[in-house]
C-alpha cells in the first residue's frame, strides 16, 4: 500500500448520551447555541483542531480531524466537559468513521478530456462548465475520486484509512493504465 496521500478531513459519529438539554448546556458551559440556525451545538476543540456538533438525541458528529486519534481525543474532551457539568454522558464512547477525505497527487498534469474517453463511461462524469474536475466512481468501492488537470486528486467516501489507501491504489492503477 502507498502512503502517498494526505488526510484532509475525517468525519466521525458517536453517541455520547441518551438526551441532552442543549439550551441548559449552552448556558452552563457558556457555549454558543442557536437552535433556529442549526439544531446542533457546535463545540470547537482547540487541540486537536476539531469541531464536534452535539445534538439533543445524544448523537455527536466530529469534523476536521486529521487522524483517528484526534477523533477519539475530541469526543473524549466533549464527554469530559459534559461529565464535569453533570450531564451524565455515557461512560464509554465508540466513535465510527463515516467519511475519510484524502488528497493525492499523481505527479503530472492530466488531460481530462482524454481521461473521459479512456476511463469507463458509466463511472465517469466531466462537465467543465459546471465543475473543473472529473468525477470518477471506483468500481466495487464506496470512494469517489475528483481528478483535476493539475494531477491532484481528492478521494472521498471511504469509511476507514485502509479503505482510503485502497482507493488511492485503485485510482493510480486505473490512471496509469490509460496514460
Foldseek 3Di string as FASTA:
>chain_A
DDPQKFWFKWKKKKQFAQFDPVVVLCVQVVFDDDCVVPQWGWDADVVVGWIWTAHGRRMIMIMGDRDPVSVVVVSVVVSVSCVVVVNDTDPDMDMFIFKIKMKHALPAFDDVVQVCVQDDVVQWDDDCVVPQWIWGDDPPAQWIWTAHRRRMIMIMRDRDPVSVVVVVVRVSVSVVVRD
